[in-house]
N, C-alpha and C. Protein backbone atom coordinates (compact mmCIF):
# COMPACT_ATOMS: atom_id res chain seq x y z
N MET A 1 0.87 -1.22 -0.18
CA MET A 1 -0.16 0.07 -0.27
C MET A 1 0.78 1.02 -0.18
N GLN A 2 0.75 2.08 -1.10
CA GLN A 2 1.37 3.69 -1.17
C GLN A 2 1.45 4.08 0.38
N GLN A 3 1.91 4.50 1.02
CA GLN A 3 2.01 6.12 2.05
C GLN A 3 2.15 7.03 1.31
N TYR A 4 1.02 7.85 1.41
CA TYR A 4 0.81 9.20 1.37
C TYR A 4 1.80 10.42 2.76
N PRO A 5 2.22 11.43 2.53
CA PRO A 5 2.53 12.24 3.05
C PRO A 5 1.66 12.43 4.24
N PHE A 6 2.25 12.61 5.76
CA PHE A 6 1.72 13.38 6.08
C PHE A 6 2.08 14.14 7.30
N VAL A 7 1.64 15.59 7.55
CA VAL A 7 2.48 16.68 7.80
C VAL A 7 1.44 17.03 9.19
N ALA A 8 2.38 17.05 9.95
CA ALA A 8 1.63 17.56 11.78
C ALA A 8 1.59 18.91 12.09
N ILE A 9 0.59 20.04 12.20
CA ILE A 9 0.57 21.24 12.83
C ILE A 9 0.48 21.05 14.21
N ALA A 10 1.76 21.96 14.68
CA ALA A 10 1.93 21.80 16.16
C ALA A 10 1.86 22.98 16.69
N GLY A 11 1.62 23.07 18.02
CA GLY A 11 1.32 24.07 18.89
C GLY A 11 0.48 24.84 19.80
N ASN A 12 0.63 25.80 20.40
CA ASN A 12 -0.33 26.07 21.53
C ASN A 12 -1.58 26.60 21.08
N ILE A 13 -2.38 26.71 22.27
CA ILE A 13 -3.38 27.51 21.91
C ILE A 13 -3.47 29.02 21.16
N GLY A 14 -4.55 29.13 20.19
CA GLY A 14 -4.20 30.45 19.78
C GLY A 14 -3.07 30.46 18.65
N VAL A 15 -2.14 29.76 18.47
CA VAL A 15 -0.73 30.13 17.77
C VAL A 15 -1.18 30.09 16.68
N GLY A 16 -1.82 29.51 15.53
CA GLY A 16 -2.60 29.82 14.19
C GLY A 16 -2.25 28.52 13.46
N LYS A 17 -2.59 27.36 14.41
CA LYS A 17 -2.27 26.07 13.46
C LYS A 17 -3.61 25.90 12.45
N THR A 18 -4.84 25.96 12.69
CA THR A 18 -5.99 26.06 11.38
C THR A 18 -5.67 26.88 10.98
N THR A 19 -5.38 28.43 11.09
CA THR A 19 -5.06 29.18 9.60
C THR A 19 -4.08 28.19 8.55
N LEU A 20 -2.70 27.92 9.43
CA LEU A 20 -1.49 27.28 8.34
C LEU A 20 -2.48 25.91 7.64
N THR A 21 -2.75 25.27 8.68
CA THR A 21 -3.70 23.64 8.12
C THR A 21 -4.67 24.33 7.01
N ASN A 22 -5.53 25.08 7.01
CA ASN A 22 -6.42 25.76 6.14
C ASN A 22 -5.24 26.17 5.02
N LEU A 23 -4.68 26.67 4.81
CA LEU A 23 -3.25 26.98 3.88
C LEU A 23 -2.83 26.36 3.12
N LEU A 24 -2.63 25.19 3.74
CA LEU A 24 -2.05 23.68 3.23
C LEU A 24 -3.00 23.10 2.09
N VAL A 25 -4.26 23.02 3.14
CA VAL A 25 -5.37 22.50 2.14
C VAL A 25 -5.43 22.66 0.87
N GLU A 26 -6.47 24.17 1.31
CA GLU A 26 -5.93 25.72 -0.14
C GLU A 26 -5.11 25.27 -0.95
N ARG A 27 -3.69 24.89 -0.80
CA ARG A 27 -2.38 24.69 -1.84
C ARG A 27 -2.60 23.67 -2.46
N PHE A 28 -2.35 22.60 -1.42
CA PHE A 28 -2.12 21.50 -2.07
C PHE A 28 -2.92 20.36 -2.34
N GLY A 29 -3.99 20.93 -2.05
CA GLY A 29 -4.95 19.35 -1.63
C GLY A 29 -5.28 18.77 -1.09
N TRP A 30 -4.24 18.90 0.08
CA TRP A 30 -4.61 17.45 0.88
C TRP A 30 -5.57 17.25 1.87
N ILE A 31 -5.74 16.62 2.19
CA ILE A 31 -7.05 16.09 3.38
C ILE A 31 -6.92 16.73 4.54
N GLY A 32 -7.63 17.60 5.09
CA GLY A 32 -7.44 18.23 6.37
C GLY A 32 -7.99 17.54 7.68
N PHE A 33 -7.66 17.44 9.06
CA PHE A 33 -8.06 17.03 9.89
C PHE A 33 -7.75 18.16 10.86
N PHE A 34 -8.62 18.45 11.25
CA PHE A 34 -9.55 19.63 12.35
C PHE A 34 -9.50 19.47 13.84
N GLU A 35 -9.12 20.54 14.79
CA GLU A 35 -9.40 19.91 16.27
C GLU A 35 -10.84 19.93 16.41
N LYS A 36 -11.28 19.25 16.94
CA LYS A 36 -12.86 19.25 17.33
C LYS A 36 -13.09 20.06 18.78
N GLU A 37 -12.44 21.22 18.92
CA GLU A 37 -12.92 21.87 20.37
C GLU A 37 -14.20 21.76 20.90
N VAL A 38 -15.05 22.69 19.74
CA VAL A 38 -16.46 23.13 19.35
C VAL A 38 -17.44 21.69 20.20
N ALA A 39 -16.84 20.41 19.46
CA ALA A 39 -18.07 19.45 20.15
C ALA A 39 -17.66 18.94 21.77
N ASN A 40 -16.52 19.13 21.61
CA ASN A 40 -16.19 18.85 23.18
C ASN A 40 -17.10 19.27 24.14
N PRO A 41 -17.80 18.11 24.58
CA PRO A 41 -18.76 18.48 25.82
C PRO A 41 -18.32 19.00 27.13
N TYR A 42 -17.08 18.40 27.21
CA TYR A 42 -16.27 19.06 28.49
C TYR A 42 -15.42 20.05 28.42
N LEU A 43 -15.69 21.06 27.48
CA LEU A 43 -14.64 21.85 27.44
C LEU A 43 -15.18 23.12 28.20
N ALA A 44 -16.23 23.63 28.06
CA ALA A 44 -16.45 24.60 28.62
C ALA A 44 -16.89 24.33 30.31
N ASP A 45 -16.77 22.86 30.85
CA ASP A 45 -16.70 22.80 32.28
C ASP A 45 -15.35 22.84 32.62
N PHE A 46 -14.30 22.43 31.67
CA PHE A 46 -13.10 21.84 31.99
C PHE A 46 -12.57 23.50 32.61
N TYR A 47 -12.62 24.82 31.61
CA TYR A 47 -12.45 25.65 31.62
C TYR A 47 -12.95 26.62 32.90
N ARG A 48 -13.89 26.09 33.32
CA ARG A 48 -14.63 26.51 34.99
C ARG A 48 -13.86 26.17 35.81
N ASP A 49 -13.62 24.73 35.96
CA ASP A 49 -13.14 23.72 36.90
C ASP A 49 -12.15 22.77 36.25
N MET A 50 -10.61 22.87 36.29
CA MET A 50 -9.94 22.07 35.81
C MET A 50 -9.57 20.89 36.38
N PRO A 51 -9.78 20.96 37.58
CA PRO A 51 -9.37 19.08 38.30
C PRO A 51 -10.58 18.56 38.31
N ALA A 52 -11.65 19.18 38.21
CA ALA A 52 -13.06 18.58 38.10
C ALA A 52 -12.84 17.91 36.35
N TRP A 53 -12.74 18.43 35.90
CA TRP A 53 -12.97 17.78 34.52
C TRP A 53 -11.94 17.31 33.17
N ALA A 54 -11.08 17.50 34.08
CA ALA A 54 -9.00 17.20 33.54
C ALA A 54 -9.69 16.27 32.60
N PHE A 55 -9.86 15.25 33.54
CA PHE A 55 -9.34 13.47 32.90
C PHE A 55 -10.58 13.34 31.75
N GLN A 56 -11.78 13.74 31.93
CA GLN A 56 -12.63 13.63 30.67
C GLN A 56 -12.24 14.21 30.09
N SER A 57 -11.87 15.50 29.45
CA SER A 57 -12.32 16.58 28.56
C SER A 57 -10.86 15.53 27.96
N GLN A 58 -9.67 15.44 28.42
CA GLN A 58 -8.51 15.04 27.69
C GLN A 58 -8.50 13.51 27.30
N ILE A 59 -9.87 12.52 27.71
CA ILE A 59 -9.97 11.71 27.17
C ILE A 59 -10.78 11.71 25.78
N PHE A 60 -12.02 12.93 25.77
CA PHE A 60 -12.63 12.96 24.73
C PHE A 60 -11.48 13.23 23.39
N PHE A 61 -10.93 14.17 23.57
CA PHE A 61 -9.37 14.78 22.82
C PHE A 61 -8.82 13.78 22.11
N LEU A 62 -8.06 12.52 23.53
CA LEU A 62 -7.91 11.48 22.89
C LEU A 62 -8.47 10.45 21.97
N LYS A 63 -9.37 10.17 22.19
CA LYS A 63 -10.52 9.15 21.25
C LYS A 63 -10.87 9.81 19.85
N GLU A 64 -11.05 10.96 19.63
CA GLU A 64 -11.14 11.90 18.89
C GLU A 64 -9.53 11.91 17.92
N ARG A 65 -8.77 12.17 18.51
CA ARG A 65 -7.25 12.20 17.54
C ARG A 65 -7.04 11.35 16.99
N LEU A 66 -7.33 9.93 17.65
CA LEU A 66 -7.21 8.51 17.83
C LEU A 66 -8.14 8.06 16.41
N LYS A 67 -8.99 8.91 16.00
CA LYS A 67 -10.46 8.30 15.40
C LYS A 67 -9.37 9.17 14.27
N ASP A 68 -9.10 10.57 13.94
CA ASP A 68 -8.08 11.43 12.87
C ASP A 68 -7.11 10.58 12.42
N HIS A 69 -6.25 9.73 13.36
CA HIS A 69 -5.14 9.24 12.95
C HIS A 69 -5.07 8.20 12.56
N LEU A 70 -6.26 7.05 12.45
CA LEU A 70 -6.51 5.94 11.70
C LEU A 70 -7.26 6.28 10.53
N GLN A 71 -7.83 7.69 10.43
CA GLN A 71 -8.27 7.63 9.19
C GLN A 71 -7.11 8.07 7.88
N ILE A 72 -6.38 9.18 8.68
CA ILE A 72 -5.10 9.58 8.06
C ILE A 72 -3.92 8.27 7.47
N GLN A 73 -3.70 7.02 8.10
CA GLN A 73 -3.40 6.44 7.98
C GLN A 73 -4.22 5.31 6.68
N ALA A 74 -5.22 5.68 6.49
CA ALA A 74 -6.21 4.15 5.79
C ALA A 74 -6.20 5.53 4.36
N ALA A 75 -5.74 6.60 4.89
CA ALA A 75 -6.28 7.71 4.07
C ALA A 75 -5.54 7.62 2.01
N ASN A 76 -5.98 7.21 1.25
CA ASN A 76 -5.54 7.42 0.12
C ASN A 76 -5.14 9.17 -1.31
N GLY A 77 -4.29 9.50 -0.09
CA GLY A 77 -4.07 11.00 -0.25
C GLY A 77 -3.45 11.48 0.83
N SER A 78 -2.58 12.26 0.27
CA SER A 78 -1.46 13.39 1.74
C SER A 78 -2.82 14.38 2.56
N CYS A 79 -1.81 13.92 3.82
CA CYS A 79 -2.77 14.47 4.89
C CYS A 79 -1.91 15.79 5.59
N VAL A 80 -2.71 16.48 6.38
CA VAL A 80 -2.21 17.52 7.34
C VAL A 80 -3.11 17.80 8.52
N GLN A 81 -2.71 17.36 9.50
CA GLN A 81 -3.12 17.64 11.19
C GLN A 81 -3.28 18.41 11.81
N ASP A 82 -4.14 19.36 12.26
CA ASP A 82 -4.30 20.21 13.24
C ASP A 82 -4.09 19.58 14.72
N ARG A 83 -3.02 19.91 15.06
CA ARG A 83 -2.71 19.41 16.30
C ARG A 83 -3.04 17.61 16.36
N THR A 84 -1.80 17.19 17.59
CA THR A 84 -1.70 15.84 17.16
C THR A 84 -2.01 14.73 18.55
N ILE A 85 -2.04 13.42 18.22
CA ILE A 85 -2.49 12.54 19.27
C ILE A 85 -1.18 12.86 20.63
N TYR A 86 -0.48 13.26 20.04
CA TYR A 86 1.29 13.12 20.77
C TYR A 86 1.36 14.46 21.40
N GLU A 87 0.98 15.20 21.00
CA GLU A 87 0.82 16.76 21.93
C GLU A 87 -0.52 16.48 22.97
N ASP A 88 -1.55 16.39 22.71
CA ASP A 88 -2.35 15.77 23.71
C ASP A 88 -2.12 15.16 24.71
N ALA A 89 -1.18 14.03 24.44
CA ALA A 89 -1.17 13.56 26.01
C ALA A 89 0.32 14.02 26.62
N GLU A 90 1.34 14.34 25.85
CA GLU A 90 2.81 14.35 26.22
C GLU A 90 2.75 16.08 26.57
N ILE A 91 2.08 16.28 26.31
CA ILE A 91 1.80 18.19 26.70
C ILE A 91 0.92 18.53 27.33
N PHE A 92 -0.46 18.32 27.00
CA PHE A 92 -1.54 19.03 27.51
C PHE A 92 -2.08 18.09 28.85
N ALA A 93 -2.05 16.83 28.71
CA ALA A 93 -2.41 15.71 29.75
C ALA A 93 -1.45 16.14 31.41
N HIS A 94 -0.01 15.76 30.54
CA HIS A 94 1.29 15.92 31.20
C HIS A 94 0.99 17.33 32.55
N ASN A 95 0.69 18.13 31.47
CA ASN A 95 0.56 19.74 32.07
C ASN A 95 -0.14 20.29 32.99
N LEU A 96 -1.51 19.12 33.07
CA LEU A 96 -2.37 19.41 34.31
C LEU A 96 -1.94 18.38 34.86
N PHE A 97 -1.12 17.30 34.99
CA PHE A 97 -0.76 16.39 35.97
C PHE A 97 -0.04 17.26 36.83
N GLU A 98 1.38 17.80 36.02
CA GLU A 98 2.56 18.67 36.70
C GLU A 98 1.76 19.52 37.36
N ARG A 99 0.54 20.45 36.87
CA ARG A 99 0.18 21.87 37.82
C ARG A 99 -0.57 21.06 38.67
N GLY A 100 -1.13 19.76 38.88
CA GLY A 100 -1.75 19.46 39.85
C GLY A 100 -3.58 19.20 39.77
N LEU A 101 -3.34 19.51 38.67
CA LEU A 101 -5.22 19.47 38.01
C LEU A 101 -5.50 18.15 37.20
N MET A 102 -5.07 17.54 37.68
CA MET A 102 -5.12 15.88 36.93
C MET A 102 -4.86 15.13 38.47
N ARG A 103 -6.10 14.40 38.74
CA ARG A 103 -4.84 13.46 39.94
C ARG A 103 -4.27 12.26 38.99
N ALA A 104 -3.64 11.90 40.46
CA ALA A 104 -2.19 10.93 39.74
C ALA A 104 -2.93 9.59 39.23
N ARG A 105 -4.15 9.41 39.93
CA ARG A 105 -4.61 7.88 39.29
C ARG A 105 -4.70 8.19 37.85
N ASP A 106 -6.05 9.41 37.96
CA ASP A 106 -6.03 9.46 36.44
C ASP A 106 -5.63 9.34 35.33
N HIS A 107 -4.23 10.48 35.60
CA HIS A 107 -2.91 10.75 35.01
C HIS A 107 -2.56 9.16 34.16
N ALA A 108 -2.52 8.13 35.34
CA ALA A 108 -1.77 6.99 35.21
C ALA A 108 -2.45 6.39 34.15
N CYS A 109 -3.70 6.25 34.12
CA CYS A 109 -4.80 5.36 33.46
C CYS A 109 -4.89 5.94 32.55
N TYR A 110 -4.88 7.24 32.36
CA TYR A 110 -4.74 7.91 30.58
C TYR A 110 -3.13 7.69 29.65
N ALA A 111 -2.27 7.89 31.05
CA ALA A 111 -0.75 7.79 30.10
C ALA A 111 -0.82 6.27 29.74
N ASP A 112 -1.36 5.20 30.76
CA ASP A 112 -1.39 4.03 29.88
C ASP A 112 -1.88 3.43 29.11
N LEU A 113 -2.85 4.25 28.93
CA LEU A 113 -4.10 3.99 27.53
C LEU A 113 -3.30 4.40 25.99
N TYR A 114 -2.71 5.78 26.17
CA TYR A 114 -2.00 6.83 25.20
C TYR A 114 -0.74 5.39 24.80
N ALA A 115 -0.12 5.10 25.42
CA ALA A 115 1.23 4.32 25.33
C ALA A 115 0.71 3.01 24.56
N ALA A 116 -0.38 2.63 25.10
CA ALA A 116 -0.47 1.22 24.37
C ALA A 116 -1.43 1.93 22.98
N LEU A 117 -1.94 2.64 22.88
CA LEU A 117 -2.46 2.87 21.54
C LEU A 117 -1.20 3.75 20.72
N SER A 118 -0.79 4.80 21.17
CA SER A 118 0.27 5.10 20.21
C SER A 118 1.86 4.31 19.44
N SER A 119 1.49 3.72 20.59
CA SER A 119 2.37 2.11 19.79
C SER A 119 2.76 1.56 18.54
N SER A 120 0.94 1.62 17.82
CA SER A 120 0.82 0.90 17.36
C SER A 120 0.73 2.02 15.66
N LEU A 121 0.85 3.65 16.02
CA LEU A 121 0.60 4.32 15.10
C LEU A 121 1.99 4.93 14.35
N ARG A 122 1.56 5.42 13.13
CA ARG A 122 2.35 5.92 11.98
C ARG A 122 2.73 6.90 12.54
N PRO A 123 3.93 7.60 12.66
CA PRO A 123 4.12 8.95 13.05
C PRO A 123 4.34 9.87 11.40
N PRO A 124 4.36 11.17 11.72
CA PRO A 124 4.22 12.33 10.82
C PRO A 124 5.33 11.75 9.93
N ASP A 125 5.13 12.36 8.59
CA ASP A 125 6.36 12.90 8.23
C ASP A 125 7.32 13.88 8.19
N LEU A 126 6.67 14.59 8.57
CA LEU A 126 6.91 16.19 9.05
C LEU A 126 6.09 16.95 10.22
N PHE A 127 6.92 17.22 11.31
CA PHE A 127 6.21 18.09 12.50
C PHE A 127 6.38 19.46 12.62
N VAL A 128 5.43 20.23 12.32
CA VAL A 128 5.71 21.36 11.98
C VAL A 128 5.17 22.41 13.31
N TYR A 129 6.15 22.95 14.33
CA TYR A 129 5.75 23.51 15.51
C TYR A 129 5.73 24.63 15.11
N LEU A 130 4.67 25.68 15.77
CA LEU A 130 4.50 27.29 15.44
C LEU A 130 4.91 27.34 17.06
N ARG A 131 5.78 28.37 16.81
CA ARG A 131 6.14 29.12 18.43
C ARG A 131 5.97 30.45 18.38
N ALA A 132 5.11 30.89 19.90
CA ALA A 132 4.81 31.95 20.20
C ALA A 132 4.76 32.36 21.72
N SER A 133 5.15 33.39 21.99
CA SER A 133 5.18 33.83 23.69
C SER A 133 4.17 33.68 24.00
N THR A 134 4.15 33.54 25.71
CA THR A 134 2.65 33.73 26.15
C THR A 134 2.02 34.94 25.70
N TRP A 135 2.22 36.16 25.64
CA TRP A 135 1.67 37.21 25.57
C TRP A 135 1.16 37.65 23.98
N THR A 136 1.69 37.24 23.47
CA THR A 136 1.26 36.94 21.93
C THR A 136 0.23 35.98 21.65
N LEU A 137 0.21 34.51 22.16
CA LEU A 137 -0.72 33.64 22.50
C LEU A 137 -1.87 34.16 22.86
N ILE A 138 -1.95 34.89 23.79
CA ILE A 138 -3.18 35.55 24.61
C ILE A 138 -3.78 36.38 23.80
N SER A 139 -2.83 37.36 23.20
CA SER A 139 -3.58 38.33 22.23
C SER A 139 -4.01 37.70 21.19
N ARG A 140 -3.66 36.44 20.33
CA ARG A 140 -4.36 36.03 19.47
C ARG A 140 -5.83 35.35 20.08
N ILE A 141 -5.69 34.80 21.24
CA ILE A 141 -6.59 34.04 21.81
C ILE A 141 -7.77 35.36 22.13
N ARG A 142 -7.90 36.63 22.63
CA ARG A 142 -8.48 37.71 22.51
C ARG A 142 -9.61 37.77 21.11
N LYS A 143 -8.85 38.23 20.32
CA LYS A 143 -8.87 38.44 18.95
C LYS A 143 -10.16 37.52 18.50
N ARG A 144 -9.34 36.43 18.61
CA ARG A 144 -10.54 34.82 17.75
C ARG A 144 -11.72 35.47 18.37
N GLY A 145 -11.88 35.72 20.33
CA GLY A 145 -12.83 35.71 20.69
C GLY A 145 -14.18 34.41 21.13
N ARG A 146 -13.48 33.31 21.61
CA ARG A 146 -14.05 31.84 21.80
C ARG A 146 -14.73 32.39 23.10
N ASP A 147 -15.53 32.45 23.51
CA ASP A 147 -16.39 32.96 24.86
C ASP A 147 -15.16 32.30 25.86
N TYR A 148 -15.29 30.46 25.81
CA TYR A 148 -14.65 29.89 27.02
C TYR A 148 -13.60 29.91 27.04
N GLU A 149 -12.58 30.71 25.76
CA GLU A 149 -11.33 30.81 26.24
C GLU A 149 -10.67 32.37 26.48
N GLN A 150 -11.74 32.73 27.17
CA GLN A 150 -11.55 34.53 27.55
C GLN A 150 -10.79 34.32 28.81
N ASN A 151 -10.71 33.47 29.65
CA ASN A 151 -10.28 33.89 31.09
C ASN A 151 -8.97 32.73 31.06
N ILE A 152 -8.74 32.13 30.14
CA ILE A 152 -7.54 31.57 30.42
C ILE A 152 -6.35 31.60 31.01
N ASP A 153 -6.08 30.94 32.13
CA ASP A 153 -4.65 31.64 33.20
C ASP A 153 -3.63 31.81 32.12
N LYS A 154 -2.87 32.76 32.12
CA LYS A 154 -1.22 33.06 31.36
C LYS A 154 -0.39 32.14 32.22
N GLU A 155 -0.80 31.77 33.10
CA GLU A 155 0.57 31.06 33.80
C GLU A 155 0.00 29.57 33.15
N TYR A 156 -1.03 29.12 32.76
CA TYR A 156 -1.27 27.99 32.11
C TYR A 156 -0.41 28.04 30.78
N LEU A 157 -0.94 28.91 30.32
CA LEU A 157 -0.61 28.95 28.97
C LEU A 157 1.05 28.96 28.78
N ALA A 158 1.57 29.56 29.90
CA ALA A 158 3.10 29.37 29.93
C ALA A 158 3.74 28.37 30.24
N GLN A 159 3.04 27.32 31.26
CA GLN A 159 3.63 26.47 31.32
C GLN A 159 3.49 25.46 30.22
N LEU A 160 2.58 25.47 29.12
CA LEU A 160 2.32 24.69 28.11
C LEU A 160 3.22 24.97 26.99
N ASN A 161 3.47 26.27 26.95
CA ASN A 161 4.52 26.50 26.42
C ASN A 161 6.15 25.77 26.48
N LEU A 162 6.31 25.93 27.83
CA LEU A 162 7.31 25.39 28.63
C LEU A 162 7.64 23.93 28.35
N ASN A 163 6.47 22.92 28.31
CA ASN A 163 6.13 21.38 27.52
C ASN A 163 6.57 21.57 26.50
N TYR A 164 5.73 22.45 25.75
CA TYR A 164 6.02 22.14 24.07
C TYR A 164 7.50 22.35 23.86
N GLU A 165 8.09 22.88 24.20
CA GLU A 165 9.70 23.10 24.29
C GLU A 165 10.12 22.15 24.46
N ARG A 166 10.10 21.77 25.49
CA ARG A 166 10.65 19.97 25.94
C ARG A 166 10.26 18.93 25.10
N TRP A 167 9.17 19.01 24.64
CA TRP A 167 8.73 17.94 23.83
C TRP A 167 9.42 18.00 22.28
N ALA A 168 9.19 19.28 21.69
CA ALA A 168 9.72 19.62 20.68
C ALA A 168 11.17 19.00 20.36
N LYS A 169 11.75 18.93 21.93
CA LYS A 169 13.36 18.66 21.56
C LYS A 169 13.48 16.90 21.34
N ARG A 170 12.95 16.62 22.26
CA ARG A 170 12.26 15.06 22.11
C ARG A 170 11.91 14.81 20.36
N VAL A 171 10.89 14.88 20.24
CA VAL A 171 10.87 14.48 18.45
C VAL A 171 11.96 15.25 17.87
N ALA A 172 12.47 16.07 17.76
CA ALA A 172 13.73 16.39 16.75
C ALA A 172 14.53 15.30 17.11
N GLU A 173 14.66 14.51 18.13
CA GLU A 173 16.00 13.36 18.02
C GLU A 173 15.05 12.32 17.04
N LYS A 174 13.71 12.40 17.05
CA LYS A 174 13.60 11.25 16.20
C LYS A 174 12.79 11.28 14.64
N TYR A 175 12.00 12.32 14.48
CA TYR A 175 11.69 12.59 13.44
C TYR A 175 11.70 14.25 12.79
N PRO A 176 11.95 14.60 11.39
CA PRO A 176 11.84 15.68 10.99
C PRO A 176 11.16 16.42 11.43
N LEU A 177 11.68 17.76 11.78
CA LEU A 177 10.69 19.06 13.12
C LEU A 177 11.25 20.16 12.25
N MET A 178 10.26 20.95 11.85
CA MET A 178 10.38 22.61 11.37
C MET A 178 9.54 23.10 12.67
N ILE A 179 10.49 24.21 12.90
CA ILE A 179 10.08 25.35 13.93
C ILE A 179 9.96 26.38 13.22
N ILE A 180 8.60 27.34 13.41
CA ILE A 180 8.45 28.58 13.25
C ILE A 180 8.02 29.45 13.98
N GLU A 181 8.97 30.75 14.18
CA GLU A 181 8.71 32.03 14.56
C GLU A 181 7.57 32.48 14.18
N THR A 182 6.19 32.93 15.41
CA THR A 182 5.49 33.62 14.96
C THR A 182 5.23 35.07 15.43
N ASP A 183 5.75 35.40 16.45
CA ASP A 183 5.73 36.32 17.39
C ASP A 183 6.12 37.71 16.63
N GLU A 184 6.77 38.38 15.49
CA GLU A 184 6.48 39.18 14.75
C GLU A 184 6.18 39.38 13.35
N HIS A 185 5.05 38.55 13.68
CA HIS A 185 4.34 38.02 12.48
C HIS A 185 2.65 37.67 12.72
N ASP A 186 1.67 38.59 11.93
CA ASP A 186 0.68 38.12 11.65
C ASP A 186 0.11 36.99 11.05
N VAL A 187 -0.59 36.16 12.09
CA VAL A 187 -0.61 34.71 10.96
C VAL A 187 -1.72 34.75 10.72
N TYR A 188 -2.52 35.62 10.46
CA TYR A 188 -3.97 35.66 9.55
C TYR A 188 -3.42 36.56 8.21
N ARG A 189 -2.74 37.35 8.63
CA ARG A 189 -2.44 38.65 7.32
C ARG A 189 -0.94 38.77 5.96
N ASP A 190 -0.47 38.27 6.95
CA ASP A 190 0.94 38.65 6.29
C ASP A 190 1.55 37.40 5.29
N ARG A 191 0.89 37.85 4.27
CA ARG A 191 0.64 36.80 3.18
C ARG A 191 2.00 36.02 2.65
N ASP A 192 3.09 37.15 2.68
CA ASP A 192 4.26 36.89 2.15
C ASP A 192 5.15 36.29 2.80
N TRP A 193 4.93 35.99 4.03
CA TRP A 193 5.66 35.35 5.25
C TRP A 193 5.08 33.67 5.21
N LEU A 194 3.78 33.62 5.22
CA LEU A 194 3.08 32.44 5.02
C LEU A 194 3.03 31.63 3.49
N GLU A 195 3.64 32.26 2.87
CA GLU A 195 3.93 32.09 1.45
C GLU A 195 4.90 31.25 1.58
N GLY A 196 6.39 31.92 2.39
CA GLY A 196 7.40 31.04 2.45
C GLY A 196 7.35 29.73 3.04
N ILE A 197 6.35 29.75 4.11
CA ILE A 197 6.01 29.05 5.08
C ILE A 197 5.41 27.85 4.37
N ILE A 198 4.89 27.99 3.46
CA ILE A 198 3.98 26.90 2.89
C ILE A 198 4.95 26.22 2.02
N GLU A 199 5.51 27.06 0.78
CA GLU A 199 6.80 26.40 0.54
C GLU A 199 7.53 25.82 0.53
N GLU A 200 8.32 26.18 1.82
CA GLU A 200 8.96 25.28 2.73
C GLU A 200 8.35 24.20 3.32
N ILE A 201 7.36 23.71 3.21
CA ILE A 201 6.61 22.51 3.99
C ILE A 201 6.64 21.89 2.62
N GLY A 202 6.00 22.07 1.55
CA GLY A 202 6.24 21.51 0.33
C GLY A 202 7.23 21.02 -0.14
N ARG A 203 8.85 21.71 -0.21
CA ARG A 203 9.73 21.24 -0.54
C ARG A 203 10.19 20.31 0.72
N ARG A 204 10.16 20.24 1.89
CA ARG A 204 10.64 19.37 2.89
C ARG A 204 9.72 18.10 2.53
N VAL A 205 8.24 17.96 2.43
CA VAL A 205 7.47 16.73 2.05
C VAL A 205 7.89 15.98 1.25
N SER A 206 8.14 16.69 -0.41
CA SER A 206 8.50 16.54 -0.98
C SER A 206 10.01 15.73 -1.29
N GLY A 207 10.79 15.77 -0.82
CA GLY A 207 11.99 15.33 -0.60
C GLY A 207 12.23 14.28 0.44
N ARG A 208 11.40 14.20 1.25
CA ARG A 208 11.21 13.57 2.36
C ARG A 208 12.00 11.70 1.86
């Protein structure tokens, strides 16, 4: 069976992943897989009371990301994914546990399930990590105006950024990784900059 390219767009909340994913779908005709944030029935509760709803919310994301990943593996064409199962587990769930917002027994159960699932998954051919400072993220989150995100704790975002940096170092040891600095750019309107990123991703994938 032919293996088509699989590109993963990674990065913190509000960094611009969906925008870039959409542009890659439009440019190359790739099959796009997007985050199902709005469909998560636990998300609003999670933002109001993280310790009470962390496990349920992360399990929802894990099962949705797994379903997408299995579709990507079976797809008859190139795919691009807006956030991956790896980030859900190794960054978001881990961060919740680290901050005392997910109980130890819940995290242990979650981590064990993730390890069993991820061991049989095909990794992306290219990880694209969008990087931004905490204050840039807060600004972008406010601009996009999702009600349930408006009170996100800046310390929560800052800790996620630290975990993303650690994760990116681990990824770079095993897989192709492209890091994009976004602080100095408008991820929605800086067309020349976005065009350069799209072309570079296309080159890296074509030469895999």
